[in-house]
């Protein structure tokens, strides 16, 4: 679904300029140096409207969370949420996921969140899935030893395919479930996740660890 253009996008972005990183290349290898109160670096790929982003930042005050989102019309809502909460440990960048090594040094990150990414159902588009082998190699490069990917999706075929990719590429899987909220809400939910949950859609989740 195409995101509607937000009214007054530019002034809204300007009001939240304090949480937007416009030149993330300059931060490569220096993220935690610039945020000395933080001991860990988390990266979220595709933050959407930022409900999960804000909630995760608020729940992990000793971690720096960098949210990567290509669509400013979605990201600005997340920026406003973070600013409204006064969070100092969350930053946003409007960049493409495929360029992550330009922004993060080798073994710099502790965790990557991938929530409800585009499933790209056609086999000919499989390389575009954020859990494709090429992406997994890139994540391994910037994650520390023992670093993790936390992956959630409502798309069961994508999830099953992703589990196979993790295993084939040497990641250790844990916390694998096909119904995350079966016994009550678990963890921080995204905007999409709340909608899916109210509709009875089952959420798949796993953690993949670098080994």
N, C-alpha and C. Protein backbone atom coordinates (compact mmCIF):
# COMPACT_ATOMS: atom_id res chain seq x y z
N UNK A 1 0.84 -1.19 0.00
CA UNK A 1 0.00 0.00 0.00
C UNK A 1 0.88 1.25 0.00
N UNK A 2 0.58 2.17 -0.90
CA UNK A 2 1.37 3.39 -1.00
C UNK A 2 1.00 4.36 0.13
N UNK A 3 2.02 4.88 0.80
CA UNK A 3 1.80 5.82 1.88
C UNK A 3 1.31 7.16 1.33
N UNK A 4 0.25 7.68 1.92
CA UNK A 4 -0.25 9.00 1.51
C UNK A 4 0.77 10.07 1.86
N UNK A 5 0.87 11.05 0.99
CA UNK A 5 1.75 12.17 1.27
C UNK A 5 1.23 12.97 2.45
N UNK A 6 2.11 13.24 3.40
CA UNK A 6 1.70 13.97 4.59
C UNK A 6 1.63 15.47 4.30
N UNK A 7 0.61 16.09 4.86
CA UNK A 7 0.51 17.53 4.74
C UNK A 7 1.62 18.18 5.58
N UNK A 8 2.19 19.24 5.03
CA UNK A 8 3.22 19.99 5.75
C UNK A 8 4.39 19.10 6.16
N UNK A 9 4.77 18.17 5.28
CA UNK A 9 5.84 17.24 5.62
C UNK A 9 7.13 17.95 5.99
N UNK A 10 7.55 18.89 5.17
CA UNK A 10 8.84 19.55 5.41
C UNK A 10 8.87 20.28 6.75
N UNK A 11 7.88 21.12 7.08
CA UNK A 11 7.94 21.78 8.40
C UNK A 11 7.84 20.79 9.55
N UNK A 12 7.12 19.70 9.35
CA UNK A 12 7.03 18.70 10.41
C UNK A 12 8.39 18.02 10.61
N UNK A 13 9.07 17.73 9.49
CA UNK A 13 10.41 17.15 9.60
C UNK A 13 11.37 18.14 10.28
N UNK A 14 11.25 19.40 9.92
CA UNK A 14 12.13 20.41 10.50
C UNK A 14 11.93 20.54 12.00
N UNK A 15 10.70 20.39 12.46
CA UNK A 15 10.44 20.50 13.91
C UNK A 15 11.07 19.33 14.67
N UNK A 16 11.33 18.23 13.96
CA UNK A 16 11.92 17.05 14.60
C UNK A 16 13.37 16.85 14.17
N UNK A 17 13.99 17.90 13.68
CA UNK A 17 15.34 17.79 13.11
C UNK A 17 16.36 17.22 14.10
N UNK A 18 16.11 17.36 15.38
CA UNK A 18 17.08 16.90 16.38
C UNK A 18 17.25 15.39 16.39
N UNK A 19 16.27 14.64 15.86
CA UNK A 19 16.37 13.18 15.87
C UNK A 19 16.67 12.61 14.48
N UNK A 20 16.89 13.47 13.49
CA UNK A 20 17.17 13.03 12.13
C UNK A 20 18.66 13.15 11.83
N UNK A 21 19.25 12.07 11.37
CA UNK A 21 20.67 12.06 10.98
C UNK A 21 20.72 12.22 9.47
N UNK A 22 21.18 13.35 9.00
CA UNK A 22 21.20 13.64 7.57
C UNK A 22 22.47 13.16 6.88
N UNK A 23 23.55 12.97 7.64
CA UNK A 23 24.81 12.50 7.07
C UNK A 23 25.31 11.31 7.90
N UNK A 24 24.62 10.19 7.81
CA UNK A 24 25.01 9.03 8.65
C UNK A 24 26.37 8.46 8.28
N UNK A 25 26.86 8.75 7.08
CA UNK A 25 28.20 8.27 6.70
C UNK A 25 29.26 8.78 7.67
N UNK A 26 29.05 9.99 8.18
CA UNK A 26 30.01 10.58 9.12
C UNK A 26 29.98 9.91 10.49
N UNK A 27 28.93 9.13 10.75
CA UNK A 27 28.78 8.46 12.05
C UNK A 27 29.36 7.05 12.05
N UNK A 28 29.75 6.56 10.90
CA UNK A 28 30.23 5.19 10.80
C UNK A 28 31.37 4.93 11.78
N UNK A 29 31.18 3.91 12.63
CA UNK A 29 32.18 3.55 13.63
C UNK A 29 32.20 4.45 14.84
N UNK A 30 31.30 5.44 14.91
CA UNK A 30 31.34 6.43 15.98
C UNK A 30 30.01 6.59 16.71
N UNK A 31 29.05 5.74 16.39
CA UNK A 31 27.71 5.93 16.95
C UNK A 31 27.71 5.99 18.47
N UNK A 32 28.29 5.01 19.10
CA UNK A 32 28.26 4.98 20.56
C UNK A 32 29.20 6.02 21.17
N UNK A 33 30.22 6.44 20.43
CA UNK A 33 31.06 7.53 20.92
C UNK A 33 30.26 8.82 21.03
N UNK A 34 29.34 9.02 20.08
CA UNK A 34 28.52 10.23 20.09
C UNK A 34 27.38 10.15 21.09
N UNK A 35 27.09 8.95 21.59
CA UNK A 35 26.02 8.77 22.57
C UNK A 35 26.59 7.98 23.75
N UNK A 36 27.42 8.63 24.57
CA UNK A 36 28.13 7.93 25.65
C UNK A 36 27.23 7.31 26.72
N UNK A 37 25.99 7.75 26.79
CA UNK A 37 25.07 7.16 27.77
C UNK A 37 24.55 5.80 27.31
N UNK A 38 24.82 5.45 26.07
CA UNK A 38 24.33 4.18 25.51
C UNK A 38 25.45 3.15 25.43
N UNK A 39 25.10 1.92 25.77
CA UNK A 39 26.10 0.84 25.76
C UNK A 39 25.91 -0.12 24.59
N UNK A 40 24.74 -0.06 23.93
CA UNK A 40 24.45 -0.97 22.83
C UNK A 40 23.89 -0.18 21.65
N UNK A 41 24.07 -0.73 20.45
CA UNK A 41 23.54 -0.11 19.24
C UNK A 41 22.55 -1.05 18.58
N UNK A 42 21.30 -0.62 18.48
CA UNK A 42 20.25 -1.36 17.81
C UNK A 42 19.90 -0.64 16.50
N UNK A 43 19.57 -1.41 15.48
CA UNK A 43 19.16 -0.86 14.19
C UNK A 43 17.80 -1.45 13.83
N UNK A 44 16.88 -0.59 13.42
CA UNK A 44 15.57 -1.05 12.97
C UNK A 44 15.44 -0.77 11.48
N UNK A 45 15.11 -1.79 10.71
CA UNK A 45 15.00 -1.65 9.26
C UNK A 45 13.53 -1.50 8.86
N UNK A 46 13.17 -0.31 8.38
CA UNK A 46 11.80 -0.06 8.00
C UNK A 46 10.93 0.21 9.21
N UNK A 47 11.04 1.39 9.78
CA UNK A 47 10.35 1.68 11.05
C UNK A 47 8.90 2.10 10.87
N UNK A 48 8.48 2.40 9.62
CA UNK A 48 7.10 2.84 9.42
C UNK A 48 6.78 4.06 10.25
N UNK A 49 5.64 4.01 10.93
CA UNK A 49 5.20 5.15 11.73
C UNK A 49 5.79 5.19 13.14
N UNK A 50 6.66 4.25 13.43
CA UNK A 50 7.50 4.37 14.61
C UNK A 50 6.91 4.02 15.96
N UNK A 51 5.80 3.32 16.02
CA UNK A 51 5.28 2.91 17.33
C UNK A 51 6.27 1.97 18.02
N UNK A 52 6.76 0.98 17.28
CA UNK A 52 7.75 0.06 17.83
C UNK A 52 9.04 0.80 18.16
N UNK A 53 9.43 1.70 17.30
CA UNK A 53 10.66 2.48 17.49
C UNK A 53 10.63 3.23 18.81
N UNK A 54 9.58 4.00 19.01
CA UNK A 54 9.45 4.80 20.22
C UNK A 54 9.37 3.90 21.46
N UNK A 55 8.58 2.83 21.36
CA UNK A 55 8.44 1.93 22.50
C UNK A 55 9.73 1.24 22.86
N UNK A 56 10.49 0.83 21.85
CA UNK A 56 11.75 0.14 22.10
C UNK A 56 12.78 1.11 22.67
N UNK A 57 12.83 2.31 22.15
CA UNK A 57 13.74 3.30 22.70
C UNK A 57 13.43 3.62 24.15
N UNK A 58 12.16 3.75 24.45
CA UNK A 58 11.74 4.07 25.82
C UNK A 58 12.05 2.92 26.77
N UNK A 59 11.93 1.68 26.29
CA UNK A 59 12.15 0.51 27.15
C UNK A 59 13.61 0.14 27.29
N UNK A 60 14.47 0.71 26.44
CA UNK A 60 15.90 0.40 26.47
C UNK A 60 16.72 1.69 26.52
N UNK A 61 16.68 2.39 27.64
CA UNK A 61 17.34 3.70 27.73
C UNK A 61 18.86 3.64 27.59
N UNK A 62 19.45 2.45 27.78
CA UNK A 62 20.90 2.34 27.66
C UNK A 62 21.33 1.86 26.28
N UNK A 63 20.38 1.83 25.33
CA UNK A 63 20.69 1.43 23.96
C UNK A 63 20.37 2.58 23.01
N UNK A 64 21.20 2.76 22.00
CA UNK A 64 20.93 3.71 20.94
C UNK A 64 20.20 2.96 19.83
N UNK A 65 19.03 3.41 19.45
CA UNK A 65 18.24 2.79 18.39
C UNK A 65 18.26 3.69 17.16
N UNK A 66 18.77 3.19 16.05
CA UNK A 66 18.79 3.92 14.80
C UNK A 66 17.77 3.30 13.86
N UNK A 67 16.76 4.07 13.49
CA UNK A 67 15.69 3.58 12.62
C UNK A 67 15.96 4.01 11.19
N UNK A 68 15.91 3.05 10.28
CA UNK A 68 16.17 3.29 8.85
C UNK A 68 14.86 3.15 8.10
N UNK A 69 14.46 4.20 7.42
CA UNK A 69 13.17 4.19 6.71
C UNK A 69 13.28 5.01 5.43
N UNK A 70 12.88 4.43 4.30
CA UNK A 70 12.98 5.12 3.02
C UNK A 70 11.87 6.13 2.80
N UNK A 71 10.73 5.96 3.50
CA UNK A 71 9.54 6.77 3.22
C UNK A 71 9.40 7.85 4.29
N UNK A 72 9.77 9.10 3.98
CA UNK A 72 9.68 10.18 4.97
C UNK A 72 8.27 10.40 5.49
N UNK A 73 7.25 10.16 4.64
CA UNK A 73 5.87 10.39 5.07
C UNK A 73 5.46 9.45 6.20
N UNK A 74 6.07 8.29 6.27
CA UNK A 74 5.84 7.40 7.40
C UNK A 74 6.76 7.77 8.56
N UNK A 75 8.02 7.99 8.24
CA UNK A 75 9.03 8.24 9.27
C UNK A 75 8.73 9.46 10.12
N UNK A 76 8.15 10.50 9.51
CA UNK A 76 7.89 11.72 10.26
C UNK A 76 6.96 11.47 11.45
N UNK A 77 6.04 10.52 11.31
CA UNK A 77 5.15 10.19 12.43
C UNK A 77 5.96 9.58 13.56
N UNK A 78 6.89 8.70 13.22
CA UNK A 78 7.75 8.12 14.24
C UNK A 78 8.63 9.16 14.90
N UNK A 79 9.15 10.09 14.11
CA UNK A 79 9.97 11.16 14.65
C UNK A 79 9.17 12.00 15.65
N UNK A 80 7.93 12.29 15.30
CA UNK A 80 7.08 13.07 16.20
C UNK A 80 6.79 12.31 17.48
N UNK A 81 6.61 11.01 17.38
CA UNK A 81 6.39 10.20 18.58
C UNK A 81 7.60 10.25 19.51
N UNK A 82 8.76 10.07 18.92
CA UNK A 82 10.00 10.08 19.72
C UNK A 82 10.23 11.44 20.36
N UNK A 83 10.01 12.50 19.59
CA UNK A 83 10.18 13.85 20.14
C UNK A 83 9.16 14.12 21.24
N UNK A 84 7.95 13.63 21.05
CA UNK A 84 6.91 13.83 22.05
C UNK A 84 7.23 13.17 23.37
N UNK A 85 7.97 12.06 23.30
CA UNK A 85 8.38 11.37 24.52
C UNK A 85 9.68 11.90 25.09
N UNK A 86 10.33 12.78 24.33
CA UNK A 86 11.59 13.35 24.80
C UNK A 86 12.73 12.36 24.84
N UNK A 87 12.71 11.37 23.95
CA UNK A 87 13.74 10.34 23.95
C UNK A 87 15.04 10.86 23.34
N UNK A 88 16.13 10.64 24.03
CA UNK A 88 17.44 11.09 23.55
C UNK A 88 18.25 9.97 22.91
N UNK A 89 17.73 8.75 22.93
CA UNK A 89 18.49 7.58 22.47
C UNK A 89 17.92 6.97 21.19
N UNK A 90 17.16 7.73 20.43
CA UNK A 90 16.60 7.26 19.16
C UNK A 90 16.95 8.26 18.06
N UNK A 91 17.40 7.73 16.94
CA UNK A 91 17.70 8.56 15.78
C UNK A 91 17.12 7.90 14.52
N UNK A 92 16.83 8.73 13.53
CA UNK A 92 16.24 8.27 12.28
C UNK A 92 17.14 8.65 11.11
N UNK A 93 17.09 7.85 10.05
CA UNK A 93 17.74 8.21 8.80
C UNK A 93 16.86 7.73 7.64
N UNK A 94 16.75 8.57 6.62
CA UNK A 94 15.98 8.22 5.43
C UNK A 94 16.94 7.69 4.38
N UNK A 95 17.23 6.40 4.49
CA UNK A 95 18.22 5.76 3.62
C UNK A 95 17.74 4.38 3.20
N UNK A 96 18.46 3.78 2.25
CA UNK A 96 18.12 2.44 1.77
C UNK A 96 18.88 1.39 2.58
N UNK A 97 18.20 0.31 2.91
CA UNK A 97 18.81 -0.76 3.70
C UNK A 97 20.05 -1.33 3.03
N UNK A 98 20.04 -1.41 1.72
CA UNK A 98 21.18 -2.00 1.01
C UNK A 98 22.47 -1.21 1.19
N UNK A 99 22.37 0.01 1.72
CA UNK A 99 23.56 0.85 1.92
C UNK A 99 24.07 0.83 3.36
N UNK A 100 23.59 -0.08 4.19
CA UNK A 100 23.97 -0.10 5.60
C UNK A 100 25.48 -0.06 5.85
N UNK A 101 26.30 -0.79 5.08
CA UNK A 101 27.75 -0.75 5.36
C UNK A 101 28.37 0.63 5.17
N UNK A 102 27.66 1.54 4.53
CA UNK A 102 28.17 2.90 4.40
C UNK A 102 27.99 3.69 5.71
N UNK A 103 27.07 3.19 6.56
CA UNK A 103 26.70 3.94 7.77
C UNK A 103 27.18 3.29 9.06
N UNK A 104 27.47 1.99 9.00
CA UNK A 104 27.86 1.26 10.21
C UNK A 104 29.13 0.47 9.93
N UNK A 105 30.05 0.51 10.88
CA UNK A 105 31.32 -0.19 10.73
C UNK A 105 31.15 -1.68 11.01
N UNK A 106 32.17 -2.45 10.67
CA UNK A 106 32.15 -3.87 10.95
C UNK A 106 32.03 -4.11 12.46
N UNK A 107 31.13 -5.02 12.81
CA UNK A 107 30.91 -5.43 14.20
C UNK A 107 30.56 -4.26 15.12
N UNK A 108 29.83 -3.30 14.59
CA UNK A 108 29.47 -2.14 15.39
C UNK A 108 28.12 -2.29 16.09
N UNK A 109 27.22 -3.06 15.51
CA UNK A 109 25.85 -3.15 16.02
C UNK A 109 25.63 -4.40 16.86
N UNK A 110 24.73 -4.28 17.82
CA UNK A 110 24.40 -5.41 18.69
C UNK A 110 23.14 -6.14 18.23
N UNK A 111 22.23 -5.42 17.58
CA UNK A 111 20.93 -6.03 17.25
C UNK A 111 20.32 -5.33 16.05
N UNK A 112 19.62 -6.12 15.23
CA UNK A 112 18.86 -5.58 14.10
C UNK A 112 17.42 -6.07 14.22
N UNK A 113 16.48 -5.14 14.08
CA UNK A 113 15.06 -5.48 14.07
C UNK A 113 14.54 -5.42 12.64
N UNK A 114 13.85 -6.47 12.22
CA UNK A 114 13.16 -6.48 10.92
C UNK A 114 11.70 -6.84 11.20
N UNK A 115 10.82 -5.87 11.09
CA UNK A 115 9.41 -6.07 11.42
C UNK A 115 8.52 -5.87 10.20
N UNK A 116 7.83 -6.93 9.79
CA UNK A 116 6.80 -6.84 8.76
C UNK A 116 7.30 -6.20 7.47
N UNK A 117 8.43 -6.70 7.00
CA UNK A 117 8.99 -6.21 5.75
C UNK A 117 8.18 -6.71 4.56
N UNK A 118 8.40 -6.10 3.42
CA UNK A 118 7.74 -6.50 2.18
C UNK A 118 8.10 -7.96 1.88
N UNK A 119 7.11 -8.85 1.70
CA UNK A 119 7.42 -10.27 1.47
C UNK A 119 7.95 -10.59 0.08
N UNK A 120 7.77 -9.67 -0.87
CA UNK A 120 8.19 -9.93 -2.25
C UNK A 120 7.86 -11.38 -2.64
N UNK A 121 6.58 -11.71 -2.78
CA UNK A 121 6.16 -13.11 -2.96
C UNK A 121 6.63 -13.79 -4.23
N UNK A 122 6.89 -13.05 -5.28
CA UNK A 122 7.34 -13.66 -6.53
C UNK A 122 8.75 -14.21 -6.38
N UNK A 123 8.98 -15.41 -6.87
CA UNK A 123 10.31 -16.02 -6.79
C UNK A 123 11.37 -15.17 -7.48
N UNK A 124 10.99 -14.47 -8.53
CA UNK A 124 11.97 -13.67 -9.25
C UNK A 124 12.41 -12.44 -8.46
N UNK A 125 11.66 -12.13 -7.39
CA UNK A 125 12.02 -11.00 -6.54
C UNK A 125 12.60 -11.45 -5.20
N UNK A 126 12.93 -12.72 -5.07
CA UNK A 126 13.38 -13.26 -3.78
C UNK A 126 14.60 -12.54 -3.24
N UNK A 127 15.49 -12.06 -4.12
CA UNK A 127 16.69 -11.39 -3.66
C UNK A 127 16.40 -10.06 -2.97
N UNK A 128 15.18 -9.55 -3.16
CA UNK A 128 14.82 -8.28 -2.53
C UNK A 128 14.33 -8.44 -1.10
N UNK A 129 14.02 -9.67 -0.72
CA UNK A 129 13.55 -9.91 0.65
C UNK A 129 14.67 -9.59 1.63
N UNK A 130 14.32 -8.94 2.73
CA UNK A 130 15.35 -8.49 3.68
C UNK A 130 16.02 -9.63 4.44
N UNK A 131 15.54 -10.85 4.23
CA UNK A 131 16.19 -12.01 4.83
C UNK A 131 16.86 -12.88 3.77
N UNK A 132 17.06 -12.34 2.58
CA UNK A 132 17.76 -13.05 1.52
C UNK A 132 19.25 -13.20 1.88
N UNK A 133 19.93 -14.20 1.34
CA UNK A 133 21.33 -14.44 1.70
C UNK A 133 22.24 -13.22 1.56
N UNK A 134 22.05 -12.43 0.53
CA UNK A 134 22.89 -11.25 0.34
C UNK A 134 22.74 -10.26 1.49
N UNK A 135 21.50 -10.09 1.94
CA UNK A 135 21.27 -9.20 3.08
C UNK A 135 21.84 -9.80 4.36
N UNK A 136 21.67 -11.12 4.53
CA UNK A 136 22.19 -11.76 5.74
C UNK A 136 23.70 -11.60 5.84
N UNK A 137 24.39 -11.68 4.71
CA UNK A 137 25.84 -11.47 4.71
C UNK A 137 26.19 -10.05 5.13
N UNK A 138 25.38 -9.09 4.67
CA UNK A 138 25.61 -7.70 5.03
C UNK A 138 25.36 -7.48 6.53
N UNK A 139 24.30 -8.08 7.06
CA UNK A 139 24.01 -7.92 8.49
C UNK A 139 25.13 -8.53 9.33
N UNK A 140 25.62 -9.69 8.90
CA UNK A 140 26.70 -10.35 9.63
C UNK A 140 27.94 -9.45 9.71
N UNK A 141 28.16 -8.68 8.66
CA UNK A 141 29.32 -7.79 8.61
C UNK A 141 29.26 -6.72 9.69
N UNK A 142 28.07 -6.15 9.92
CA UNK A 142 27.98 -5.02 10.84
C UNK A 142 27.58 -5.43 12.26
N UNK A 143 27.16 -6.69 12.44
CA UNK A 143 26.80 -7.16 13.77
C UNK A 143 28.03 -7.69 14.51
N UNK A 144 28.04 -7.48 15.81
CA UNK A 144 29.10 -8.05 16.64
C UNK A 144 28.96 -9.56 16.71
N UNK A 145 30.00 -10.23 17.15
CA UNK A 145 29.89 -11.67 17.42
C UNK A 145 28.82 -11.86 18.49
N UNK A 146 27.88 -12.74 18.22
CA UNK A 146 26.77 -12.93 19.15
C UNK A 146 25.64 -11.95 18.94
N UNK A 147 25.78 -11.06 17.94
CA UNK A 147 24.71 -10.12 17.62
C UNK A 147 23.48 -10.84 17.08
N UNK A 148 22.35 -10.16 17.11
CA UNK A 148 21.10 -10.83 16.79
C UNK A 148 20.25 -10.05 15.79
N UNK A 149 19.46 -10.82 15.04
CA UNK A 149 18.36 -10.27 14.24
C UNK A 149 17.06 -10.71 14.90
N UNK A 150 16.18 -9.76 15.19
CA UNK A 150 14.85 -10.06 15.70
C UNK A 150 13.87 -9.84 14.55
N UNK A 151 13.24 -10.90 14.10
CA UNK A 151 12.44 -10.88 12.88
C UNK A 151 10.98 -11.22 13.18
N UNK A 152 10.06 -10.35 12.71
CA UNK A 152 8.62 -10.59 12.86
C UNK A 152 7.93 -10.39 11.52
N UNK A 153 6.95 -11.22 11.23
CA UNK A 153 6.16 -11.07 10.01
C UNK A 153 4.81 -11.79 10.18
N UNK A 154 3.82 -11.30 9.48
CA UNK A 154 2.52 -11.98 9.44
C UNK A 154 2.47 -12.95 8.28
N UNK A 155 3.49 -12.96 7.42
CA UNK A 155 3.49 -13.75 6.20
C UNK A 155 4.19 -15.09 6.45
N UNK A 156 3.41 -16.16 6.56
CA UNK A 156 3.98 -17.48 6.89
C UNK A 156 4.93 -18.00 5.82
N UNK A 157 4.60 -17.89 4.52
CA UNK A 157 5.57 -18.35 3.52
C UNK A 157 6.91 -17.62 3.61
N UNK A 158 6.88 -16.31 3.83
CA UNK A 158 8.12 -15.56 4.00
C UNK A 158 8.87 -16.04 5.22
N UNK A 159 8.15 -16.28 6.30
CA UNK A 159 8.78 -16.71 7.54
C UNK A 159 9.47 -18.06 7.37
N UNK A 160 8.76 -19.02 6.79
CA UNK A 160 9.34 -20.35 6.59
C UNK A 160 10.56 -20.27 5.68
N UNK A 161 10.47 -19.48 4.64
CA UNK A 161 11.59 -19.29 3.72
C UNK A 161 12.77 -18.65 4.45
N UNK A 162 12.48 -17.67 5.28
CA UNK A 162 13.53 -16.97 6.03
C UNK A 162 14.24 -17.89 7.01
N UNK A 163 13.47 -18.76 7.67
CA UNK A 163 14.10 -19.71 8.59
C UNK A 163 15.11 -20.57 7.85
N UNK A 164 14.77 -21.00 6.65
CA UNK A 164 15.70 -21.81 5.86
C UNK A 164 16.94 -21.02 5.50
N UNK A 165 16.77 -19.74 5.17
CA UNK A 165 17.93 -18.91 4.82
C UNK A 165 18.84 -18.72 6.02
N UNK A 166 18.26 -18.48 7.18
CA UNK A 166 19.06 -18.33 8.39
C UNK A 166 19.90 -19.59 8.64
N UNK A 167 19.25 -20.74 8.56
CA UNK A 167 19.94 -21.99 8.84
C UNK A 167 21.01 -22.28 7.80
N UNK A 168 20.71 -22.06 6.52
CA UNK A 168 21.68 -22.32 5.46
C UNK A 168 22.91 -21.43 5.58
N UNK A 169 22.72 -20.26 6.13
CA UNK A 169 23.82 -19.29 6.19
C UNK A 169 24.48 -19.22 7.56
N UNK A 170 24.22 -20.23 8.39
CA UNK A 170 24.99 -20.39 9.62
C UNK A 170 24.54 -19.57 10.81
N UNK A 171 23.27 -19.12 10.82
CA UNK A 171 22.76 -18.39 11.97
C UNK A 171 22.10 -19.38 12.94
N UNK A 172 22.19 -19.08 14.22
CA UNK A 172 21.56 -19.92 15.24
C UNK A 172 20.17 -19.38 15.55
N UNK A 173 19.16 -20.21 15.39
CA UNK A 173 17.77 -19.78 15.60
C UNK A 173 17.30 -20.08 17.01
N UNK A 174 16.49 -19.17 17.54
CA UNK A 174 15.85 -19.36 18.85
C UNK A 174 14.54 -18.58 18.88
N UNK A 175 13.73 -18.84 19.88
CA UNK A 175 12.46 -18.15 20.09
C UNK A 175 11.58 -18.19 18.83
N UNK A 176 11.59 -19.32 18.16
CA UNK A 176 10.80 -19.47 16.93
C UNK A 176 9.36 -19.78 17.28
N UNK A 177 8.44 -18.97 16.74
CA UNK A 177 7.02 -19.19 16.99
C UNK A 177 6.20 -18.75 15.79
N UNK A 178 5.07 -19.44 15.59
CA UNK A 178 4.14 -19.06 14.54
C UNK A 178 2.90 -18.37 15.09
N UNK A 179 2.89 -18.12 16.39
CA UNK A 179 1.75 -17.43 17.01
C UNK A 179 2.25 -16.70 18.24
N UNK A 180 2.94 -15.61 18.01
CA UNK A 180 3.63 -14.88 19.07
C UNK A 180 2.72 -14.48 20.22
N UNK A 181 1.53 -14.05 19.91
CA UNK A 181 0.64 -13.50 20.94
C UNK A 181 -0.44 -14.49 21.39
N UNK A 182 -0.19 -15.78 21.22
CA UNK A 182 -1.19 -16.80 21.57
C UNK A 182 -1.59 -16.74 23.04
N UNK A 183 -0.63 -16.42 23.91
CA UNK A 183 -0.90 -16.39 25.36
C UNK A 183 -0.92 -14.96 25.90
N UNK A 184 -1.24 -14.01 25.04
CA UNK A 184 -1.24 -12.61 25.44
C UNK A 184 -0.17 -11.84 24.70
N UNK A 185 -0.30 -10.54 24.67
CA UNK A 185 0.64 -9.71 23.92
C UNK A 185 2.06 -9.86 24.46
N UNK A 186 2.98 -10.10 23.54
CA UNK A 186 4.38 -10.28 23.88
C UNK A 186 5.21 -9.16 23.26
N UNK A 187 5.92 -8.43 24.08
CA UNK A 187 6.82 -7.41 23.58
C UNK A 187 6.11 -6.17 23.06
N UNK A 188 6.86 -5.35 22.37
CA UNK A 188 6.36 -4.08 21.84
C UNK A 188 5.81 -4.31 20.43
N UNK A 189 4.63 -3.83 20.17
CA UNK A 189 3.97 -4.08 18.90
C UNK A 189 4.13 -2.88 17.96
N UNK A 190 4.15 -3.17 16.66
CA UNK A 190 4.13 -2.12 15.65
C UNK A 190 2.69 -1.72 15.38
N UNK A 191 2.51 -0.65 14.61
CA UNK A 191 1.15 -0.25 14.23
C UNK A 191 0.46 -1.36 13.43
N UNK A 192 1.19 -1.95 12.48
CA UNK A 192 0.63 -3.05 11.70
C UNK A 192 0.27 -4.22 12.60
N UNK A 193 1.13 -4.52 13.54
CA UNK A 193 0.93 -5.66 14.42
C UNK A 193 -0.33 -5.52 15.26
N UNK A 194 -0.58 -4.34 15.76
CA UNK A 194 -1.81 -4.10 16.52
C UNK A 194 -3.03 -4.37 15.65
N UNK A 195 -2.99 -3.88 14.42
CA UNK A 195 -4.09 -4.10 13.49
C UNK A 195 -4.27 -5.59 13.20
N UNK A 196 -3.18 -6.28 12.92
CA UNK A 196 -3.24 -7.71 12.64
C UNK A 196 -3.79 -8.48 13.83
N UNK A 197 -3.32 -8.11 15.02
CA UNK A 197 -3.74 -8.82 16.24
C UNK A 197 -5.26 -8.70 16.45
N UNK A 198 -5.79 -7.50 16.24
CA UNK A 198 -7.24 -7.31 16.42
C UNK A 198 -8.03 -8.08 15.37
N UNK A 199 -7.40 -8.39 14.24
CA UNK A 199 -8.06 -9.16 13.17
C UNK A 199 -7.84 -10.65 13.32
N UNK A 200 -7.11 -11.06 14.34
CA UNK A 200 -6.85 -12.47 14.57
C UNK A 200 -5.75 -13.06 13.71
N UNK A 201 -4.94 -12.20 13.09
CA UNK A 201 -3.83 -12.68 12.25
C UNK A 201 -2.68 -13.14 13.15
N UNK A 202 -2.15 -14.32 12.89
CA UNK A 202 -1.05 -14.84 13.69
C UNK A 202 0.28 -14.21 13.27
N UNK A 203 1.10 -13.91 14.26
CA UNK A 203 2.39 -13.28 14.03
C UNK A 203 3.50 -14.30 14.22
N UNK A 204 4.38 -14.37 13.24
CA UNK A 204 5.55 -15.26 13.31
C UNK A 204 6.75 -14.47 13.80
N UNK A 205 7.57 -15.08 14.62
CA UNK A 205 8.74 -14.39 15.15
C UNK A 205 9.88 -15.36 15.39
N UNK A 206 11.10 -14.88 15.21
CA UNK A 206 12.28 -15.64 15.58
C UNK A 206 13.42 -14.70 15.90
N UNK A 207 14.42 -15.25 16.56
CA UNK A 207 15.68 -14.54 16.80
C UNK A 207 16.78 -15.35 16.13
N UNK A 208 17.60 -14.68 15.33
CA UNK A 208 18.73 -15.32 14.66
C UNK A 208 20.02 -14.69 15.18
N UNK A 209 20.93 -15.53 15.65
CA UNK A 209 22.16 -15.06 16.30
C UNK A 209 23.38 -15.39 15.45
N UNK A 210 24.28 -14.42 15.34
CA UNK A 210 25.54 -14.65 14.63
C UNK A 210 26.36 -15.69 15.39
N UNK A 211 26.87 -16.67 14.66
CA UNK A 211 27.74 -17.66 15.30
C UNK A 211 28.92 -17.98 14.40
